[in-house]
Amino acid sequence: MKIAQFASIGFISLALFGCDKFSKTPTPTTSVKAREPVIALALGGGGAKGFSHIGVIKVLESHGIKPKIVTGTSAGSFVGSIYASGQTPYQLQNLALKLQESDIRDLTLNRQGIILGQKLQDYVNRNVGNKPIEKFPIRFAAVATRLDNGQKADFIKGNAGQAVRA
């Protein structure tokens, strides 16, 4: 009887522990690729202070960081649209240094404001090569506020100058 019990315990031990190496799940032979993070750059307004964004873009690129998406409002949409169209930060800097207020500002007296905005629109369109937003090498969105209801308006396609003007 003792031999039968010993044999049973031995058999159970072998079944539980001896086959452990055969029951493991095999290690997959293919590795999972880590996804590259999507970098987005949000540029704010601020008139002439908006040109400080150019320095930020220069530093980012000098560290190998190139955004996949650029958004901007007001002066940020001005800088962002030209950058997203394919201009380098150094080209942007040269544009900013040569820019005269009269290049982009056309004063008017009407119900909608004192700046017409046509010069700004034309300037942006010239500097983006007259490409519509959806043809830019970097995804771009200009963000503005609708005057009729105060809601946010996103411009992700169409006339870049008109989007910046908004």
N, C-alpha and C. Protein backbone atom coordinates (compact mmCIF):
# COMPACT_ATOMS: atom_id res chain seq x y z
N MET A 1 0.82 -1.18 0.00
CA MET A 1 0.00 0.00 0.00
C MET A 1 0.87 1.25 0.00
N LYS A 2 1.96 1.25 0.79
CA LYS A 2 2.86 2.39 0.85
C LYS A 2 3.50 2.63 -0.51
N ILE A 3 3.79 1.58 -1.22
CA ILE A 3 4.40 1.73 -2.54
C ILE A 3 3.40 2.37 -3.49
N ALA A 4 2.15 2.01 -3.40
CA ALA A 4 1.12 2.58 -4.26
C ALA A 4 0.94 4.06 -3.95
N GLN A 5 0.96 4.44 -2.65
CA GLN A 5 0.83 5.85 -2.28
C GLN A 5 2.04 6.64 -2.78
N PHE A 6 3.24 6.06 -2.60
CA PHE A 6 4.45 6.72 -3.04
C PHE A 6 4.44 6.90 -4.55
N ALA A 7 4.00 5.91 -5.27
CA ALA A 7 3.93 5.98 -6.73
C ALA A 7 2.91 7.03 -7.15
N SER A 8 1.77 7.10 -6.45
CA SER A 8 0.74 8.09 -6.78
C SER A 8 1.27 9.50 -6.55
N ILE A 9 1.94 9.72 -5.42
CA ILE A 9 2.49 11.05 -5.12
C ILE A 9 3.56 11.41 -6.15
N GLY A 10 4.40 10.47 -6.51
CA GLY A 10 5.43 10.71 -7.51
C GLY A 10 4.83 11.04 -8.87
N PHE A 11 3.80 10.31 -9.25
CA PHE A 11 3.14 10.55 -10.54
C PHE A 11 2.49 11.94 -10.56
N ILE A 12 1.80 12.30 -9.47
CA ILE A 12 1.14 13.60 -9.39
C ILE A 12 2.19 14.72 -9.41
N SER A 13 3.29 14.53 -8.66
CA SER A 13 4.36 15.54 -8.66
C SER A 13 4.94 15.72 -10.05
N LEU A 14 5.18 14.61 -10.73
CA LEU A 14 5.71 14.68 -12.08
C LEU A 14 4.74 15.40 -13.00
N ALA A 15 3.46 15.10 -12.85
CA ALA A 15 2.44 15.72 -13.70
C ALA A 15 2.35 17.23 -13.44
N LEU A 16 2.46 17.62 -12.17
CA LEU A 16 2.31 19.03 -11.83
C LEU A 16 3.57 19.85 -12.10
N PHE A 17 4.72 19.32 -11.78
CA PHE A 17 5.94 20.11 -11.84
C PHE A 17 6.88 19.72 -12.98
N GLY A 18 6.87 18.52 -13.36
CA GLY A 18 7.80 18.04 -14.36
C GLY A 18 7.48 18.49 -15.77
N CYS A 19 6.24 18.79 -16.03
CA CYS A 19 5.84 19.19 -17.38
C CYS A 19 5.74 20.70 -17.53
N ASP A 20 6.17 21.40 -16.51
CA ASP A 20 6.04 22.86 -16.52
C ASP A 20 6.72 23.49 -17.73
N LYS A 21 7.90 23.00 -18.10
CA LYS A 21 8.61 23.61 -19.21
C LYS A 21 7.91 23.40 -20.54
N PHE A 22 7.03 22.42 -20.63
CA PHE A 22 6.30 22.16 -21.87
C PHE A 22 5.00 22.95 -21.96
N SER A 23 4.55 23.50 -20.83
CA SER A 23 3.25 24.17 -20.84
C SER A 23 3.35 25.69 -21.01
N LYS A 24 4.55 26.23 -21.07
CA LYS A 24 4.70 27.68 -21.21
C LYS A 24 4.28 28.12 -22.61
N THR A 25 3.70 29.32 -22.66
CA THR A 25 3.32 29.90 -23.94
C THR A 25 4.59 30.32 -24.66
N PRO A 26 4.71 29.97 -25.94
CA PRO A 26 5.93 30.35 -26.65
C PRO A 26 6.03 31.87 -26.79
N THR A 27 7.25 32.37 -26.78
CA THR A 27 7.51 33.79 -26.95
C THR A 27 7.27 34.16 -28.40
N PRO A 28 6.51 35.22 -28.65
CA PRO A 28 6.27 35.60 -30.05
C PRO A 28 7.59 35.98 -30.73
N THR A 29 7.67 35.66 -32.01
CA THR A 29 8.89 35.95 -32.75
C THR A 29 8.87 37.34 -33.37
N THR A 30 7.70 37.96 -33.46
CA THR A 30 7.63 39.31 -34.01
C THR A 30 7.54 40.30 -32.87
N SER A 31 8.20 41.44 -33.04
CA SER A 31 8.15 42.47 -32.00
C SER A 31 7.11 43.52 -32.38
N VAL A 32 6.54 44.13 -31.38
CA VAL A 32 5.55 45.18 -31.59
C VAL A 32 6.30 46.50 -31.70
N LYS A 33 6.04 47.23 -32.78
CA LYS A 33 6.69 48.52 -32.99
C LYS A 33 6.01 49.59 -32.15
N ALA A 34 6.80 50.37 -31.47
CA ALA A 34 6.25 51.50 -30.71
C ALA A 34 5.85 52.59 -31.70
N ARG A 35 4.68 53.17 -31.47
CA ARG A 35 4.22 54.25 -32.35
C ARG A 35 4.97 55.53 -32.04
N GLU A 36 5.35 56.23 -33.09
CA GLU A 36 6.00 57.52 -32.93
C GLU A 36 4.96 58.52 -32.44
N PRO A 37 5.29 59.33 -31.44
CA PRO A 37 4.30 60.30 -30.96
C PRO A 37 4.00 61.35 -32.02
N VAL A 38 2.76 61.81 -32.03
CA VAL A 38 2.36 62.88 -32.94
C VAL A 38 2.55 64.20 -32.19
N ILE A 39 3.39 65.05 -32.73
CA ILE A 39 3.68 66.35 -32.11
C ILE A 39 2.81 67.41 -32.78
N ALA A 40 2.08 68.15 -31.98
CA ALA A 40 1.27 69.27 -32.48
C ALA A 40 1.80 70.55 -31.84
N LEU A 41 1.76 71.61 -32.62
CA LEU A 41 2.25 72.91 -32.15
C LEU A 41 1.08 73.89 -32.18
N ALA A 42 0.75 74.46 -31.02
CA ALA A 42 -0.34 75.43 -30.91
C ALA A 42 0.26 76.81 -30.70
N LEU A 43 -0.03 77.72 -31.63
CA LEU A 43 0.53 79.07 -31.61
C LEU A 43 -0.57 80.08 -31.27
N GLY A 44 -0.32 80.90 -30.28
CA GLY A 44 -1.31 81.87 -29.83
C GLY A 44 -1.18 83.21 -30.52
N GLY A 45 -2.05 84.11 -30.13
CA GLY A 45 -2.07 85.45 -30.69
C GLY A 45 -1.13 86.37 -29.95
N GLY A 46 -1.20 87.63 -30.29
CA GLY A 46 -0.39 88.60 -29.58
C GLY A 46 0.27 89.64 -30.45
N GLY A 47 -0.26 89.88 -31.62
CA GLY A 47 0.31 90.92 -32.49
C GLY A 47 1.75 90.63 -32.82
N ALA A 48 2.60 91.65 -32.67
CA ALA A 48 4.02 91.50 -32.99
C ALA A 48 4.68 90.45 -32.12
N LYS A 49 4.15 90.24 -30.90
CA LYS A 49 4.70 89.20 -30.03
C LYS A 49 4.52 87.81 -30.63
N GLY A 50 3.58 87.68 -31.56
CA GLY A 50 3.36 86.40 -32.23
C GLY A 50 4.57 85.93 -33.01
N PHE A 51 5.45 86.87 -33.38
CA PHE A 51 6.66 86.49 -34.11
C PHE A 51 7.65 85.75 -33.22
N SER A 52 7.47 85.80 -31.91
CA SER A 52 8.34 85.02 -31.02
C SER A 52 8.18 83.53 -31.26
N HIS A 53 7.05 83.14 -31.86
CA HIS A 53 6.84 81.73 -32.20
C HIS A 53 7.93 81.22 -33.13
N ILE A 54 8.47 82.10 -33.95
CA ILE A 54 9.51 81.70 -34.91
C ILE A 54 10.73 81.16 -34.15
N GLY A 55 11.11 81.83 -33.07
CA GLY A 55 12.23 81.36 -32.26
C GLY A 55 11.97 80.01 -31.64
N VAL A 56 10.74 79.80 -31.19
CA VAL A 56 10.36 78.50 -30.61
C VAL A 56 10.49 77.41 -31.67
N ILE A 57 9.99 77.68 -32.87
CA ILE A 57 10.06 76.70 -33.96
C ILE A 57 11.53 76.39 -34.29
N LYS A 58 12.38 77.42 -34.31
CA LYS A 58 13.80 77.20 -34.60
C LYS A 58 14.43 76.27 -33.56
N VAL A 59 14.13 76.50 -32.28
CA VAL A 59 14.70 75.66 -31.22
C VAL A 59 14.18 74.23 -31.33
N LEU A 60 12.88 74.08 -31.56
CA LEU A 60 12.32 72.73 -31.70
C LEU A 60 13.02 71.98 -32.83
N GLU A 61 13.12 72.60 -33.99
CA GLU A 61 13.75 71.94 -35.13
C GLU A 61 15.23 71.66 -34.89
N SER A 62 15.93 72.53 -34.16
CA SER A 62 17.35 72.29 -33.87
C SER A 62 17.54 71.07 -32.99
N HIS A 63 16.49 70.66 -32.29
CA HIS A 63 16.52 69.46 -31.46
C HIS A 63 15.85 68.27 -32.15
N GLY A 64 15.61 68.40 -33.44
CA GLY A 64 15.04 67.29 -34.21
C GLY A 64 13.54 67.12 -34.02
N ILE A 65 12.88 68.11 -33.48
CA ILE A 65 11.43 68.02 -33.25
C ILE A 65 10.72 68.80 -34.34
N LYS A 66 9.96 68.07 -35.16
CA LYS A 66 9.22 68.71 -36.25
C LYS A 66 7.75 68.32 -36.06
N PRO A 67 6.89 69.30 -35.83
CA PRO A 67 5.48 68.98 -35.59
C PRO A 67 4.79 68.40 -36.83
N LYS A 68 3.83 67.54 -36.58
CA LYS A 68 3.00 66.96 -37.65
C LYS A 68 1.75 67.81 -37.86
N ILE A 69 1.39 68.60 -36.84
CA ILE A 69 0.19 69.44 -36.88
C ILE A 69 0.55 70.81 -36.32
N VAL A 70 0.06 71.87 -36.96
CA VAL A 70 0.26 73.23 -36.47
C VAL A 70 -1.10 73.91 -36.42
N THR A 71 -1.41 74.53 -35.29
CA THR A 71 -2.63 75.32 -35.18
C THR A 71 -2.24 76.72 -34.70
N GLY A 72 -3.08 77.68 -35.03
CA GLY A 72 -2.78 79.03 -34.59
C GLY A 72 -4.00 79.91 -34.61
N THR A 73 -3.95 80.94 -33.79
CA THR A 73 -4.99 81.95 -33.78
C THR A 73 -4.30 83.31 -33.89
N SER A 74 -4.93 84.22 -34.62
CA SER A 74 -4.41 85.58 -34.78
C SER A 74 -2.98 85.54 -35.33
N ALA A 75 -2.02 86.17 -34.63
CA ALA A 75 -0.64 86.17 -35.11
C ALA A 75 -0.09 84.75 -35.21
N GLY A 76 -0.57 83.86 -34.36
CA GLY A 76 -0.15 82.46 -34.43
C GLY A 76 -0.59 81.78 -35.71
N SER A 77 -1.75 82.16 -36.22
CA SER A 77 -2.19 81.57 -37.49
C SER A 77 -1.38 82.14 -38.65
N PHE A 78 -0.96 83.39 -38.52
CA PHE A 78 -0.11 84.02 -39.54
C PHE A 78 1.21 83.26 -39.65
N VAL A 79 1.92 83.11 -38.53
CA VAL A 79 3.20 82.40 -38.51
C VAL A 79 2.99 80.92 -38.85
N GLY A 80 1.98 80.32 -38.23
CA GLY A 80 1.73 78.89 -38.42
C GLY A 80 1.39 78.51 -39.84
N SER A 81 0.61 79.33 -40.52
CA SER A 81 0.23 79.00 -41.90
C SER A 81 1.44 79.00 -42.82
N ILE A 82 2.30 79.98 -42.66
CA ILE A 82 3.48 80.07 -43.52
C ILE A 82 4.45 78.93 -43.20
N TYR A 83 4.62 78.61 -41.93
CA TYR A 83 5.47 77.48 -41.54
C TYR A 83 4.91 76.16 -42.06
N ALA A 84 3.62 75.94 -41.86
CA ALA A 84 2.99 74.67 -42.29
C ALA A 84 3.00 74.52 -43.81
N SER A 85 3.11 75.63 -44.52
CA SER A 85 3.13 75.57 -45.98
C SER A 85 4.47 75.06 -46.51
N GLY A 86 5.46 74.96 -45.63
CA GLY A 86 6.75 74.42 -46.05
C GLY A 86 7.93 75.36 -45.88
N GLN A 87 7.67 76.58 -45.42
CA GLN A 87 8.78 77.52 -45.20
C GLN A 87 9.57 77.07 -43.96
N THR A 88 10.87 77.29 -43.99
CA THR A 88 11.70 76.96 -42.83
C THR A 88 11.59 78.09 -41.80
N PRO A 89 11.98 77.82 -40.55
CA PRO A 89 11.98 78.89 -39.55
C PRO A 89 12.88 80.06 -39.95
N TYR A 90 13.95 79.78 -40.67
CA TYR A 90 14.86 80.85 -41.10
C TYR A 90 14.21 81.71 -42.19
N GLN A 91 13.44 81.08 -43.07
CA GLN A 91 12.70 81.84 -44.07
C GLN A 91 11.63 82.70 -43.39
N LEU A 92 10.98 82.13 -42.38
CA LEU A 92 9.99 82.88 -41.60
C LEU A 92 10.65 84.09 -40.92
N GLN A 93 11.82 83.87 -40.36
CA GLN A 93 12.52 84.96 -39.68
C GLN A 93 12.83 86.08 -40.67
N ASN A 94 13.30 85.74 -41.86
CA ASN A 94 13.59 86.76 -42.88
C ASN A 94 12.33 87.52 -43.27
N LEU A 95 11.21 86.81 -43.42
CA LEU A 95 9.94 87.48 -43.73
C LEU A 95 9.58 88.47 -42.63
N ALA A 96 9.71 88.02 -41.38
CA ALA A 96 9.35 88.87 -40.24
C ALA A 96 10.23 90.12 -40.18
N LEU A 97 11.51 89.96 -40.46
CA LEU A 97 12.42 91.11 -40.41
C LEU A 97 12.14 92.13 -41.51
N LYS A 98 11.68 91.66 -42.65
CA LYS A 98 11.39 92.55 -43.79
C LYS A 98 9.97 93.10 -43.77
N LEU A 99 9.10 92.51 -42.97
CA LEU A 99 7.69 92.87 -42.97
C LEU A 99 7.47 94.30 -42.49
N GLN A 100 6.72 95.04 -43.27
CA GLN A 100 6.29 96.39 -42.89
C GLN A 100 4.81 96.33 -42.56
N GLU A 101 4.39 97.13 -41.62
CA GLU A 101 2.98 97.15 -41.25
C GLU A 101 2.10 97.42 -42.47
N SER A 102 2.57 98.26 -43.35
CA SER A 102 1.79 98.60 -44.55
C SER A 102 1.65 97.41 -45.52
N ASP A 103 2.47 96.36 -45.34
CA ASP A 103 2.36 95.16 -46.18
C ASP A 103 1.10 94.36 -45.86
N ILE A 104 0.62 94.47 -44.63
CA ILE A 104 -0.49 93.62 -44.21
C ILE A 104 -1.70 94.38 -43.65
N ARG A 105 -1.57 95.68 -43.45
CA ARG A 105 -2.67 96.43 -42.83
C ARG A 105 -3.27 97.42 -43.81
N ASP A 106 -4.57 97.29 -44.03
CA ASP A 106 -5.31 98.24 -44.87
C ASP A 106 -6.49 98.76 -44.05
N LEU A 107 -6.40 100.02 -43.70
CA LEU A 107 -7.40 100.64 -42.84
C LEU A 107 -8.64 101.02 -43.63
N THR A 108 -9.77 100.90 -42.96
CA THR A 108 -11.06 101.25 -43.55
C THR A 108 -11.99 101.71 -42.43
N LEU A 109 -13.04 102.34 -42.80
CA LEU A 109 -14.08 102.72 -41.84
C LEU A 109 -15.38 102.08 -42.30
N ASN A 110 -15.70 100.95 -41.70
CA ASN A 110 -16.98 100.31 -42.00
C ASN A 110 -17.55 99.67 -40.74
N ARG A 111 -18.71 99.08 -40.86
CA ARG A 111 -19.39 98.51 -39.69
C ARG A 111 -18.65 97.34 -39.07
N GLN A 112 -17.83 96.64 -39.85
CA GLN A 112 -17.18 95.43 -39.35
C GLN A 112 -15.85 95.69 -38.65
N GLY A 113 -15.32 96.89 -38.75
CA GLY A 113 -14.06 97.19 -38.08
C GLY A 113 -13.28 98.25 -38.82
N ILE A 114 -12.04 98.44 -38.37
CA ILE A 114 -11.21 99.47 -39.01
C ILE A 114 -10.13 98.87 -39.92
N ILE A 115 -10.00 97.55 -39.91
CA ILE A 115 -9.02 96.89 -40.78
C ILE A 115 -9.78 96.02 -41.77
N LEU A 116 -9.53 96.24 -43.03
CA LEU A 116 -10.21 95.47 -44.07
C LEU A 116 -9.69 94.03 -44.10
N GLY A 117 -8.38 93.85 -44.09
CA GLY A 117 -7.80 92.51 -44.05
C GLY A 117 -7.40 91.92 -45.39
N GLN A 118 -7.70 92.62 -46.48
CA GLN A 118 -7.37 92.08 -47.80
C GLN A 118 -5.86 92.00 -48.01
N LYS A 119 -5.12 93.00 -47.52
CA LYS A 119 -3.65 92.98 -47.66
C LYS A 119 -3.05 91.80 -46.89
N LEU A 120 -3.56 91.55 -45.70
CA LEU A 120 -3.09 90.40 -44.91
C LEU A 120 -3.35 89.10 -45.66
N GLN A 121 -4.56 88.96 -46.17
CA GLN A 121 -4.94 87.76 -46.91
C GLN A 121 -4.03 87.55 -48.12
N ASP A 122 -3.80 88.60 -48.88
CA ASP A 122 -2.95 88.51 -50.07
C ASP A 122 -1.50 88.18 -49.69
N TYR A 123 -1.01 88.79 -48.62
CA TYR A 123 0.37 88.55 -48.17
C TYR A 123 0.56 87.08 -47.79
N VAL A 124 -0.37 86.56 -47.01
CA VAL A 124 -0.29 85.15 -46.60
C VAL A 124 -0.34 84.25 -47.82
N ASN A 125 -1.30 84.49 -48.71
CA ASN A 125 -1.43 83.63 -49.89
C ASN A 125 -0.16 83.65 -50.74
N ARG A 126 0.45 84.81 -50.91
CA ARG A 126 1.71 84.89 -51.66
C ARG A 126 2.79 84.04 -51.00
N ASN A 127 2.87 84.11 -49.67
CA ASN A 127 3.95 83.43 -48.95
C ASN A 127 3.71 81.95 -48.70
N VAL A 128 2.52 81.47 -48.97
CA VAL A 128 2.26 80.02 -48.91
C VAL A 128 2.20 79.44 -50.33
N GLY A 129 2.60 80.24 -51.31
CA GLY A 129 2.59 79.78 -52.70
C GLY A 129 1.19 79.60 -53.26
N ASN A 130 0.23 80.36 -52.73
CA ASN A 130 -1.18 80.27 -53.14
C ASN A 130 -1.75 78.86 -53.02
N LYS A 131 -1.18 78.06 -52.12
CA LYS A 131 -1.70 76.70 -51.88
C LYS A 131 -2.86 76.76 -50.90
N PRO A 132 -3.88 75.93 -51.12
CA PRO A 132 -4.92 75.81 -50.10
C PRO A 132 -4.37 75.05 -48.89
N ILE A 133 -4.98 75.25 -47.75
CA ILE A 133 -4.51 74.65 -46.50
C ILE A 133 -4.32 73.14 -46.62
N GLU A 134 -5.24 72.46 -47.27
CA GLU A 134 -5.17 71.00 -47.34
C GLU A 134 -3.99 70.49 -48.18
N LYS A 135 -3.31 71.37 -48.89
CA LYS A 135 -2.14 70.98 -49.69
C LYS A 135 -0.82 71.26 -48.97
N PHE A 136 -0.88 71.80 -47.75
CA PHE A 136 0.33 72.08 -46.99
C PHE A 136 1.01 70.76 -46.61
N PRO A 137 2.34 70.73 -46.56
CA PRO A 137 3.03 69.51 -46.13
C PRO A 137 2.83 69.18 -44.65
N ILE A 138 2.52 70.18 -43.84
CA ILE A 138 2.21 69.97 -42.42
C ILE A 138 0.73 70.33 -42.23
N ARG A 139 -0.01 69.44 -41.54
CA ARG A 139 -1.43 69.73 -41.29
C ARG A 139 -1.55 71.04 -40.52
N PHE A 140 -2.52 71.86 -40.93
CA PHE A 140 -2.67 73.19 -40.34
C PHE A 140 -4.13 73.49 -40.09
N ALA A 141 -4.38 74.21 -39.00
CA ALA A 141 -5.72 74.73 -38.71
C ALA A 141 -5.58 76.13 -38.13
N ALA A 142 -6.34 77.06 -38.69
CA ALA A 142 -6.45 78.40 -38.11
C ALA A 142 -7.71 78.38 -37.25
N VAL A 143 -7.62 78.96 -36.07
CA VAL A 143 -8.75 78.98 -35.14
C VAL A 143 -9.16 80.42 -34.91
N ALA A 144 -10.45 80.67 -35.03
CA ALA A 144 -10.98 82.03 -34.85
C ALA A 144 -12.30 81.94 -34.10
N THR A 145 -12.90 83.09 -33.86
CA THR A 145 -14.20 83.17 -33.20
C THR A 145 -15.22 83.74 -34.18
N ARG A 146 -16.35 83.06 -34.27
CA ARG A 146 -17.43 83.55 -35.14
C ARG A 146 -18.03 84.81 -34.52
N LEU A 147 -18.14 85.86 -35.31
CA LEU A 147 -18.69 87.12 -34.81
C LEU A 147 -20.19 87.04 -34.55
N ASP A 148 -20.88 86.19 -35.29
CA ASP A 148 -22.34 86.13 -35.14
C ASP A 148 -22.81 85.41 -33.88
N ASN A 149 -22.01 84.43 -33.38
CA ASN A 149 -22.49 83.69 -32.21
C ASN A 149 -21.40 83.43 -31.15
N GLY A 150 -20.18 83.89 -31.39
CA GLY A 150 -19.11 83.72 -30.41
C GLY A 150 -18.53 82.32 -30.33
N GLN A 151 -18.95 81.43 -31.22
CA GLN A 151 -18.45 80.06 -31.22
C GLN A 151 -17.11 79.96 -31.94
N LYS A 152 -16.39 78.90 -31.64
CA LYS A 152 -15.09 78.64 -32.27
C LYS A 152 -15.29 78.25 -33.73
N ALA A 153 -14.39 78.73 -34.58
CA ALA A 153 -14.40 78.35 -36.00
C ALA A 153 -13.02 77.81 -36.35
N ASP A 154 -12.97 76.60 -36.91
CA ASP A 154 -11.72 75.98 -37.34
C ASP A 154 -11.64 76.01 -38.85
N PHE A 155 -10.50 76.45 -39.36
CA PHE A 155 -10.27 76.48 -40.80
C PHE A 155 -9.19 75.45 -41.12
N ILE A 156 -9.59 74.34 -41.73
CA ILE A 156 -8.66 73.24 -42.01
C ILE A 156 -8.50 72.98 -43.50
N LYS A 157 -9.21 73.72 -44.32
CA LYS A 157 -9.06 73.59 -45.77
C LYS A 157 -9.44 74.91 -46.41
N GLY A 158 -9.05 75.05 -47.66
CA GLY A 158 -9.40 76.26 -48.39
C GLY A 158 -8.31 77.31 -48.37
N ASN A 159 -8.72 78.53 -48.61
CA ASN A 159 -7.84 79.68 -48.77
C ASN A 159 -7.13 80.01 -47.44
N ALA A 160 -5.81 79.85 -47.43
CA ALA A 160 -5.03 80.09 -46.20
C ALA A 160 -5.09 81.55 -45.77
N GLY A 161 -4.98 82.47 -46.73
CA GLY A 161 -5.03 83.88 -46.39
C GLY A 161 -6.36 84.27 -45.78
N GLN A 162 -7.42 83.72 -46.31
CA GLN A 162 -8.75 84.01 -45.77
C GLN A 162 -8.89 83.43 -44.36
N ALA A 163 -8.32 82.26 -44.12
CA ALA A 163 -8.37 81.65 -42.79
C ALA A 163 -7.62 82.50 -41.77
N VAL A 164 -6.45 82.99 -42.14
CA VAL A 164 -5.66 83.84 -41.24
C VAL A 164 -6.39 85.17 -41.02
N ARG A 165 -6.99 85.68 -42.05
CA ARG A 165 -7.73 86.94 -41.96
C ARG A 165 -8.91 86.84 -40.99
N ALA A 166 -9.49 85.67 -40.89
CA ALA A 166 -10.65 85.47 -40.02
C ALA A 166 -10.26 85.69 -38.57
